[in-house]
Structure formats: structure tokens, C-alpha cells
Amino acid sequence: MSGSFGGQPAGGAKKARIEIIPLIDVIFFLLATFVLFTLSLNKIQSVPVDLPQASATARPAAEDDLVVLQVSDAGTAYWNKEPISSAEIPRRLLDYKASTPAPRVLVSGDEKASYGDAVHALDEVRKAGITQVSVETAFRPTGR
């Protein structure tokens, strides 16, 4: 034997090596476990919503109950296609509310109406105490 004992080099002890490939596998396993664990801890935040229930006895709203209030330029307005002045809107709304159990108003504007006229009409509806109000966003020709 030429200076080697038990398969070791003649100069001394075997050099220690750090194997990095198994270390990378262990770190990836720990990372995946940590990610899955933290995802399972997340609570989904939600807001409870009470949805309305449909009933067979509900009647569809009649178009006769709906008033279309269309505003136009220069202080003109239309009450169900009838031309009126803007000063007449509050009185008509109060009469309509007094004569209808569930008043509904659709506020519309034509291509000539300004934003201020539409807001004024909405304000008059609010002052009259009518709570069922809609704003039409589609184009509607004047007086229709």
C-alpha cells in the first residue's frame, strides 16, 4: 500500500463539501408549504346583501303612473309631451303627488337642455317629496 488507508488520500482527511442541490429542494418545499398555508388563512371579506324576493302577486307598474318630465332650453319643459314653462314644474309635481298613491317621475333632457336645467328639475322633484325618480340617459328628441 502506498500511503492510503481505507480509501482516503495519502495527504490527510477527505475534504468536506456542501451539496447545494438538496438544500434548494428543501427550501422550495418550505416555500411552497408556507405559501399554501398562508393562502388558507385568508378570510374572504364580504358584505351581506338582502336580495328582494320575487312574488307572483306583484303587478307590473303601469305606464299611466309614470310622468316624463323633459327639460329643454330657454326655460321650456315638457310634461308627458305637453309643453309647459319651468315655473309650472313645482305646481304640477305637487298636484301629481297629491293625486297618485305612488308617484314616479322620469327626468329627461333633449339635445338643447343644459345641465343646470336638468338639475333644477331634479331639485323640484326632491322638493315635492317624490322619492321614485329616474334620470334618462338616452337621447330623446324634443317633446317626445
N, C-alpha and C. Protein backbone atom coordinates (compact mmCIF):
# COMPACT_ATOMS: atom_id res chain seq x y z
N MET A 1 0.84 -1.16 0.00
CA MET A 1 0.00 0.00 0.00
C MET A 1 0.89 1.22 0.00
N SER A 2 0.47 2.09 -0.71
CA SER A 2 1.33 3.24 -0.90
C SER A 2 0.86 4.45 -0.14
N GLY A 3 0.58 4.38 1.06
CA GLY A 3 0.23 5.51 1.91
C GLY A 3 -1.25 5.81 1.99
N SER A 4 -2.12 4.97 1.45
CA SER A 4 -3.53 5.23 1.59
C SER A 4 -4.13 4.22 2.53
N PHE A 5 -4.94 4.68 3.41
CA PHE A 5 -5.53 3.79 4.39
C PHE A 5 -7.04 3.95 4.33
N GLY A 6 -7.78 2.95 3.95
CA GLY A 6 -9.24 2.95 3.91
C GLY A 6 -9.80 3.80 2.81
N GLY A 7 -9.12 4.01 1.73
CA GLY A 7 -9.63 4.76 0.61
C GLY A 7 -9.47 6.26 0.74
N GLN A 8 -8.78 6.74 1.73
CA GLN A 8 -8.54 8.16 1.90
C GLN A 8 -7.26 8.55 1.19
N PRO A 9 -7.14 9.81 0.76
CA PRO A 9 -5.91 10.23 0.12
C PRO A 9 -4.74 10.17 1.10
N ALA A 10 -3.59 10.07 0.54
CA ALA A 10 -2.40 9.91 1.36
C ALA A 10 -2.08 11.15 2.16
N GLY A 11 -2.53 12.31 1.69
CA GLY A 11 -2.17 13.56 2.34
C GLY A 11 -2.98 13.89 3.57
N GLY A 12 -4.11 13.27 3.86
CA GLY A 12 -4.88 13.60 5.04
C GLY A 12 -6.35 13.21 4.87
N ALA A 13 -7.20 13.90 5.63
CA ALA A 13 -8.62 13.58 5.65
C ALA A 13 -9.31 14.08 4.39
N LYS A 14 -10.46 13.49 4.09
CA LYS A 14 -11.27 13.87 2.92
C LYS A 14 -11.84 15.27 3.14
N LYS A 15 -11.85 16.12 2.08
CA LYS A 15 -12.38 17.48 2.19
C LYS A 15 -13.91 17.44 2.28
N ALA A 16 -14.46 18.24 3.14
CA ALA A 16 -15.92 18.32 3.30
C ALA A 16 -16.51 19.21 2.20
N ARG A 17 -17.62 18.77 1.62
CA ARG A 17 -18.31 19.54 0.57
C ARG A 17 -19.75 19.79 1.01
N ILE A 18 -20.24 20.97 0.66
CA ILE A 18 -21.65 21.27 0.93
C ILE A 18 -22.41 21.05 -0.38
N GLU A 19 -23.32 20.13 -0.34
CA GLU A 19 -24.15 19.85 -1.52
C GLU A 19 -25.31 20.86 -1.51
N ILE A 20 -25.41 21.70 -2.54
CA ILE A 20 -26.41 22.77 -2.58
C ILE A 20 -27.72 22.32 -3.23
N ILE A 21 -27.69 21.31 -4.07
CA ILE A 21 -28.91 20.88 -4.78
C ILE A 21 -29.96 20.35 -3.80
N PRO A 22 -29.64 19.48 -2.85
CA PRO A 22 -30.68 19.07 -1.88
C PRO A 22 -31.16 20.24 -1.02
N LEU A 23 -30.28 21.21 -0.75
CA LEU A 23 -30.67 22.38 0.03
C LEU A 23 -31.71 23.21 -0.72
N ILE A 24 -31.53 23.37 -2.03
CA ILE A 24 -32.50 24.11 -2.84
C ILE A 24 -33.85 23.39 -2.84
N ASP A 25 -33.84 22.07 -2.94
CA ASP A 25 -35.10 21.31 -2.90
C ASP A 25 -35.83 21.51 -1.59
N VAL A 26 -35.12 21.50 -0.48
CA VAL A 26 -35.74 21.69 0.83
C VAL A 26 -36.31 23.10 0.95
N ILE A 27 -35.58 24.10 0.45
CA ILE A 27 -36.07 25.49 0.53
C ILE A 27 -37.32 25.67 -0.32
N PHE A 28 -37.35 25.09 -1.52
CA PHE A 28 -38.57 25.18 -2.34
C PHE A 28 -39.75 24.49 -1.68
N PHE A 29 -39.51 23.36 -1.03
CA PHE A 29 -40.59 22.66 -0.32
C PHE A 29 -41.13 23.52 0.81
N LEU A 30 -40.23 24.15 1.57
CA LEU A 30 -40.67 25.01 2.67
C LEU A 30 -41.41 26.25 2.15
N LEU A 31 -40.94 26.81 1.05
CA LEU A 31 -41.61 27.97 0.47
C LEU A 31 -43.02 27.62 -0.01
N ALA A 32 -43.16 26.50 -0.71
CA ALA A 32 -44.48 26.07 -1.19
C ALA A 32 -45.42 25.79 -0.02
N THR A 33 -44.91 25.17 1.02
CA THR A 33 -45.74 24.89 2.20
C THR A 33 -46.18 26.19 2.86
N PHE A 34 -45.28 27.15 2.97
CA PHE A 34 -45.61 28.43 3.58
C PHE A 34 -46.66 29.18 2.76
N VAL A 35 -46.51 29.18 1.44
CA VAL A 35 -47.48 29.88 0.58
C VAL A 35 -48.85 29.24 0.69
N LEU A 36 -48.94 27.94 0.62
CA LEU A 36 -50.24 27.26 0.72
C LEU A 36 -50.88 27.48 2.09
N PHE A 37 -50.06 27.47 3.12
CA PHE A 37 -50.59 27.68 4.47
C PHE A 37 -51.14 29.09 4.63
N THR A 38 -50.42 30.11 4.13
CA THR A 38 -50.90 31.48 4.28
C THR A 38 -52.12 31.75 3.42
N LEU A 39 -52.22 31.11 2.26
CA LEU A 39 -53.43 31.29 1.44
C LEU A 39 -54.65 30.68 2.11
N SER A 40 -54.47 29.62 2.86
CA SER A 40 -55.62 29.00 3.53
C SER A 40 -56.08 29.82 4.73
N LEU A 41 -55.23 30.73 5.22
CA LEU A 41 -55.62 31.56 6.37
C LEU A 41 -56.42 32.78 5.98
N ASN A 42 -56.41 33.19 4.71
CA ASN A 42 -57.12 34.39 4.27
C ASN A 42 -58.62 34.19 4.37
N LYS A 43 -59.27 35.14 5.00
CA LYS A 43 -60.73 35.11 5.06
C LYS A 43 -61.25 36.03 3.98
N ILE A 44 -62.25 35.61 3.27
CA ILE A 44 -62.84 36.45 2.23
C ILE A 44 -63.79 37.43 2.90
N GLN A 45 -63.52 38.71 2.72
CA GLN A 45 -64.36 39.74 3.30
C GLN A 45 -65.53 40.00 2.36
N SER A 46 -66.74 40.00 2.88
CA SER A 46 -67.91 40.23 2.06
C SER A 46 -68.92 41.05 2.84
N VAL A 47 -69.83 41.62 2.10
CA VAL A 47 -70.90 42.42 2.68
C VAL A 47 -72.20 41.63 2.50
N PRO A 48 -72.94 41.41 3.57
CA PRO A 48 -74.21 40.69 3.41
C PRO A 48 -75.22 41.56 2.66
N VAL A 49 -75.90 40.96 1.71
CA VAL A 49 -76.86 41.67 0.89
C VAL A 49 -78.19 40.93 0.97
N ASP A 50 -79.24 41.66 1.30
CA ASP A 50 -80.58 41.07 1.31
C ASP A 50 -81.22 41.34 -0.04
N LEU A 51 -81.31 40.31 -0.85
CA LEU A 51 -81.88 40.46 -2.18
C LEU A 51 -83.40 40.39 -2.11
N PRO A 52 -84.09 41.15 -2.92
CA PRO A 52 -85.56 41.11 -2.90
C PRO A 52 -86.05 39.79 -3.48
N GLN A 53 -87.15 39.33 -2.95
CA GLN A 53 -87.76 38.09 -3.41
C GLN A 53 -88.86 38.42 -4.41
N ALA A 54 -88.91 37.67 -5.47
CA ALA A 54 -89.96 37.87 -6.48
C ALA A 54 -91.25 37.26 -5.97
N SER A 55 -92.35 37.91 -6.30
CA SER A 55 -93.64 37.37 -5.91
C SER A 55 -94.55 37.33 -7.13
N ALA A 56 -95.41 36.37 -7.14
CA ALA A 56 -96.31 36.21 -8.28
C ALA A 56 -97.44 37.24 -8.25
N THR A 57 -97.65 37.87 -7.10
CA THR A 57 -98.77 38.82 -6.99
C THR A 57 -98.36 40.24 -7.34
N ALA A 58 -97.07 40.49 -7.53
CA ALA A 58 -96.64 41.85 -7.84
C ALA A 58 -97.11 42.24 -9.23
N ARG A 59 -97.74 43.39 -9.31
CA ARG A 59 -98.23 43.84 -10.61
C ARG A 59 -97.18 44.69 -11.28
N PRO A 60 -97.03 44.57 -12.57
CA PRO A 60 -96.08 45.46 -13.24
C PRO A 60 -96.57 46.89 -13.18
N ALA A 61 -95.64 47.80 -13.07
CA ALA A 61 -96.00 49.22 -12.97
C ALA A 61 -96.64 49.69 -14.26
N ALA A 62 -97.76 50.34 -14.11
CA ALA A 62 -98.46 50.84 -15.29
C ALA A 62 -97.76 52.09 -15.80
N GLU A 63 -97.74 52.24 -17.08
CA GLU A 63 -97.11 53.42 -17.68
C GLU A 63 -97.92 54.67 -17.38
N ASP A 64 -99.20 54.51 -16.99
CA ASP A 64 -100.02 55.68 -16.67
C ASP A 64 -99.53 56.36 -15.39
N ASP A 65 -98.90 55.60 -14.49
CA ASP A 65 -98.41 56.17 -13.24
C ASP A 65 -97.13 56.98 -13.43
N LEU A 66 -96.45 56.81 -14.54
CA LEU A 66 -95.16 57.45 -14.78
C LEU A 66 -95.34 58.79 -15.49
N VAL A 67 -94.69 59.81 -14.97
CA VAL A 67 -94.68 61.12 -15.61
C VAL A 67 -93.30 61.34 -16.19
N VAL A 68 -93.25 61.70 -17.47
CA VAL A 68 -91.99 62.03 -18.12
C VAL A 68 -91.85 63.54 -18.10
N LEU A 69 -90.85 64.01 -17.38
CA LEU A 69 -90.56 65.43 -17.29
C LEU A 69 -89.30 65.69 -18.10
N GLN A 70 -89.49 66.27 -19.28
CA GLN A 70 -88.37 66.53 -20.17
C GLN A 70 -88.03 68.01 -20.13
N VAL A 71 -86.75 68.31 -19.89
CA VAL A 71 -86.31 69.71 -19.87
C VAL A 71 -85.65 70.03 -21.20
N SER A 72 -85.80 71.29 -21.59
CA SER A 72 -85.22 71.76 -22.85
C SER A 72 -84.56 73.10 -22.58
N ASP A 73 -84.22 73.79 -23.63
CA ASP A 73 -83.51 75.06 -23.47
C ASP A 73 -84.47 76.22 -23.17
N ALA A 74 -83.92 77.31 -22.72
CA ALA A 74 -84.63 78.59 -22.53
C ALA A 74 -85.86 78.48 -21.63
N GLY A 75 -85.78 77.66 -20.58
CA GLY A 75 -86.88 77.61 -19.61
C GLY A 75 -88.10 76.84 -20.07
N THR A 76 -87.98 76.03 -21.08
CA THR A 76 -89.13 75.23 -21.51
C THR A 76 -88.97 73.81 -20.99
N ALA A 77 -90.11 73.17 -20.81
CA ALA A 77 -90.13 71.79 -20.34
C ALA A 77 -91.34 71.10 -20.95
N TYR A 78 -91.37 69.80 -20.82
CA TYR A 78 -92.50 69.00 -21.35
C TYR A 78 -92.96 68.06 -20.24
N TRP A 79 -94.27 68.08 -20.00
CA TRP A 79 -94.90 67.21 -19.02
C TRP A 79 -95.70 66.18 -19.80
N ASN A 80 -95.18 64.97 -19.92
CA ASN A 80 -95.81 63.93 -20.75
C ASN A 80 -96.12 64.47 -22.15
N LYS A 81 -95.14 65.04 -22.80
CA LYS A 81 -95.19 65.57 -24.17
C LYS A 81 -95.98 66.87 -24.30
N GLU A 82 -96.47 67.42 -23.19
CA GLU A 82 -97.20 68.69 -23.22
C GLU A 82 -96.25 69.81 -22.83
N PRO A 83 -96.07 70.83 -23.69
CA PRO A 83 -95.13 71.90 -23.35
C PRO A 83 -95.64 72.74 -22.18
N ILE A 84 -94.73 72.98 -21.22
CA ILE A 84 -95.03 73.82 -20.06
C ILE A 84 -93.81 74.71 -19.81
N SER A 85 -93.99 75.70 -18.95
CA SER A 85 -92.84 76.54 -18.58
C SER A 85 -92.16 75.93 -17.36
N SER A 86 -90.91 76.28 -17.15
CA SER A 86 -90.17 75.75 -15.99
C SER A 86 -90.78 76.21 -14.68
N ALA A 87 -91.43 77.36 -14.66
CA ALA A 87 -92.07 77.86 -13.45
C ALA A 87 -93.29 77.02 -13.06
N GLU A 88 -93.84 76.29 -14.01
CA GLU A 88 -95.03 75.47 -13.77
C GLU A 88 -94.68 74.10 -13.17
N ILE A 89 -93.41 73.70 -13.21
CA ILE A 89 -93.00 72.36 -12.77
C ILE A 89 -93.34 72.10 -11.30
N PRO A 90 -93.02 73.00 -10.35
CA PRO A 90 -93.32 72.69 -8.94
C PRO A 90 -94.80 72.44 -8.66
N ARG A 91 -95.67 73.27 -9.25
CA ARG A 91 -97.11 73.10 -9.02
C ARG A 91 -97.59 71.77 -9.60
N ARG A 92 -97.14 71.41 -10.79
CA ARG A 92 -97.55 70.15 -11.41
C ARG A 92 -97.08 68.96 -10.59
N LEU A 93 -95.85 69.03 -10.08
CA LEU A 93 -95.33 67.93 -9.27
C LEU A 93 -96.12 67.75 -7.98
N LEU A 94 -96.48 68.85 -7.33
CA LEU A 94 -97.28 68.76 -6.10
C LEU A 94 -98.67 68.20 -6.38
N ASP A 95 -99.31 68.64 -7.47
CA ASP A 95 -100.63 68.11 -7.85
C ASP A 95 -100.53 66.62 -8.17
N TYR A 96 -99.47 66.24 -8.87
CA TYR A 96 -99.28 64.83 -9.25
C TYR A 96 -99.08 63.97 -8.01
N LYS A 97 -98.29 64.46 -7.05
CA LYS A 97 -98.06 63.68 -5.83
C LYS A 97 -99.34 63.54 -5.02
N ALA A 98 -100.17 64.58 -5.00
CA ALA A 98 -101.42 64.53 -4.24
C ALA A 98 -102.43 63.59 -4.88
N SER A 99 -102.39 63.43 -6.19
CA SER A 99 -103.40 62.63 -6.87
C SER A 99 -102.97 61.19 -7.14
N THR A 100 -101.72 60.84 -6.91
CA THR A 100 -101.22 59.50 -7.22
C THR A 100 -100.66 58.87 -5.95
N PRO A 101 -101.06 57.62 -5.65
CA PRO A 101 -100.55 56.98 -4.42
C PRO A 101 -99.05 56.70 -4.46
N ALA A 102 -98.52 56.33 -5.61
CA ALA A 102 -97.08 56.04 -5.74
C ALA A 102 -96.54 56.81 -6.95
N PRO A 103 -96.26 58.10 -6.77
CA PRO A 103 -95.82 58.90 -7.92
C PRO A 103 -94.41 58.50 -8.38
N ARG A 104 -94.25 58.43 -9.70
CA ARG A 104 -92.96 58.11 -10.32
C ARG A 104 -92.68 59.14 -11.41
N VAL A 105 -91.44 59.64 -11.42
CA VAL A 105 -91.07 60.68 -12.38
C VAL A 105 -89.82 60.23 -13.12
N LEU A 106 -89.84 60.41 -14.42
CA LEU A 106 -88.67 60.17 -15.27
C LEU A 106 -88.22 61.53 -15.78
N VAL A 107 -87.03 61.96 -15.37
CA VAL A 107 -86.49 63.24 -15.81
C VAL A 107 -85.62 62.98 -17.02
N SER A 108 -85.90 63.71 -18.08
CA SER A 108 -85.19 63.52 -19.33
C SER A 108 -84.77 64.89 -19.86
N GLY A 109 -83.86 64.88 -20.80
CA GLY A 109 -83.44 66.12 -21.43
C GLY A 109 -83.25 65.90 -22.91
N ASP A 110 -83.38 66.96 -23.67
CA ASP A 110 -83.14 66.86 -25.11
C ASP A 110 -81.74 67.39 -25.43
N GLU A 111 -81.43 67.48 -26.71
CA GLU A 111 -80.09 67.91 -27.11
C GLU A 111 -79.82 69.38 -26.81
N LYS A 112 -80.87 70.16 -26.54
CA LYS A 112 -80.71 71.59 -26.26
C LYS A 112 -80.65 71.89 -24.77
N ALA A 113 -80.97 70.94 -23.92
CA ALA A 113 -81.05 71.19 -22.48
C ALA A 113 -79.66 71.35 -21.88
N SER A 114 -79.59 72.27 -20.91
CA SER A 114 -78.33 72.43 -20.20
C SER A 114 -78.35 71.59 -18.94
N TYR A 115 -77.18 71.36 -18.40
CA TYR A 115 -77.05 70.56 -17.18
C TYR A 115 -77.79 71.22 -16.03
N GLY A 116 -77.73 72.54 -15.95
CA GLY A 116 -78.40 73.26 -14.87
C GLY A 116 -79.91 73.09 -14.90
N ASP A 117 -80.49 73.06 -16.10
CA ASP A 117 -81.95 72.86 -16.20
C ASP A 117 -82.35 71.48 -15.70
N ALA A 118 -81.55 70.46 -16.02
CA ALA A 118 -81.87 69.10 -15.56
C ALA A 118 -81.72 69.00 -14.04
N VAL A 119 -80.70 69.63 -13.48
CA VAL A 119 -80.52 69.62 -12.03
C VAL A 119 -81.65 70.37 -11.35
N HIS A 120 -82.09 71.47 -11.94
CA HIS A 120 -83.22 72.22 -11.39
C HIS A 120 -84.48 71.34 -11.36
N ALA A 121 -84.73 70.60 -12.43
CA ALA A 121 -85.90 69.71 -12.46
C ALA A 121 -85.78 68.62 -11.40
N LEU A 122 -84.60 68.04 -11.24
CA LEU A 122 -84.41 67.03 -10.20
C LEU A 122 -84.61 67.62 -8.80
N ASP A 123 -84.16 68.84 -8.61
CA ASP A 123 -84.34 69.51 -7.33
C ASP A 123 -85.81 69.76 -7.03
N GLU A 124 -86.57 70.14 -8.04
CA GLU A 124 -88.01 70.36 -7.85
C GLU A 124 -88.72 69.04 -7.50
N VAL A 125 -88.29 67.94 -8.12
CA VAL A 125 -88.88 66.64 -7.79
C VAL A 125 -88.59 66.30 -6.33
N ARG A 126 -87.37 66.56 -5.88
CA ARG A 126 -86.99 66.30 -4.49
C ARG A 126 -87.80 67.18 -3.54
N LYS A 127 -87.97 68.46 -3.87
CA LYS A 127 -88.75 69.37 -3.03
C LYS A 127 -90.20 68.94 -2.94
N ALA A 128 -90.73 68.34 -3.99
CA ALA A 128 -92.12 67.88 -3.98
C ALA A 128 -92.29 66.63 -3.12
N GLY A 129 -91.19 66.00 -2.74
CA GLY A 129 -91.27 64.81 -1.88
C GLY A 129 -91.46 63.52 -2.65
N ILE A 130 -91.20 63.52 -3.93
CA ILE A 130 -91.33 62.30 -4.73
C ILE A 130 -90.00 61.55 -4.66
N THR A 131 -90.07 60.31 -4.19
CA THR A 131 -88.84 59.54 -3.99
C THR A 131 -88.52 58.60 -5.14
N GLN A 132 -89.50 58.25 -5.94
CA GLN A 132 -89.25 57.34 -7.07
C GLN A 132 -88.99 58.18 -8.31
N VAL A 133 -87.72 58.50 -8.53
CA VAL A 133 -87.32 59.34 -9.65
C VAL A 133 -86.20 58.64 -10.41
N SER A 134 -86.27 58.72 -11.72
CA SER A 134 -85.24 58.16 -12.59
C SER A 134 -84.75 59.24 -13.52
N VAL A 135 -83.52 59.07 -13.97
CA VAL A 135 -82.93 60.01 -14.93
C VAL A 135 -82.65 59.23 -16.20
N GLU A 136 -83.21 59.69 -17.30
CA GLU A 136 -83.00 59.02 -18.58
C GLU A 136 -81.69 59.51 -19.18
N THR A 137 -80.85 58.58 -19.59
CA THR A 137 -79.56 58.94 -20.17
C THR A 137 -79.53 58.77 -21.68
N ALA A 138 -80.55 58.20 -22.25
CA ALA A 138 -80.59 58.02 -23.71
C ALA A 138 -81.08 59.31 -24.37
N PHE A 139 -80.74 59.45 -25.64
CA PHE A 139 -81.16 60.62 -26.40
C PHE A 139 -82.66 60.57 -26.65
N ARG A 140 -83.33 61.69 -26.44
CA ARG A 140 -84.77 61.81 -26.70
C ARG A 140 -84.99 63.11 -27.43
N PRO A 141 -85.62 63.07 -28.61
CA PRO A 141 -85.90 64.33 -29.33
C PRO A 141 -86.81 65.23 -28.51
N THR A 142 -86.77 66.50 -28.78
CA THR A 142 -87.55 67.49 -28.03
C THR A 142 -89.03 67.19 -28.10
N GLY A 143 -89.69 67.15 -26.92
CA GLY A 143 -91.13 66.97 -26.83
C GLY A 143 -91.61 65.57 -27.06
N ARG A 144 -90.77 64.57 -27.03
CA ARG A 144 -91.21 63.18 -27.28
C ARG A 144 -91.08 62.32 -26.06
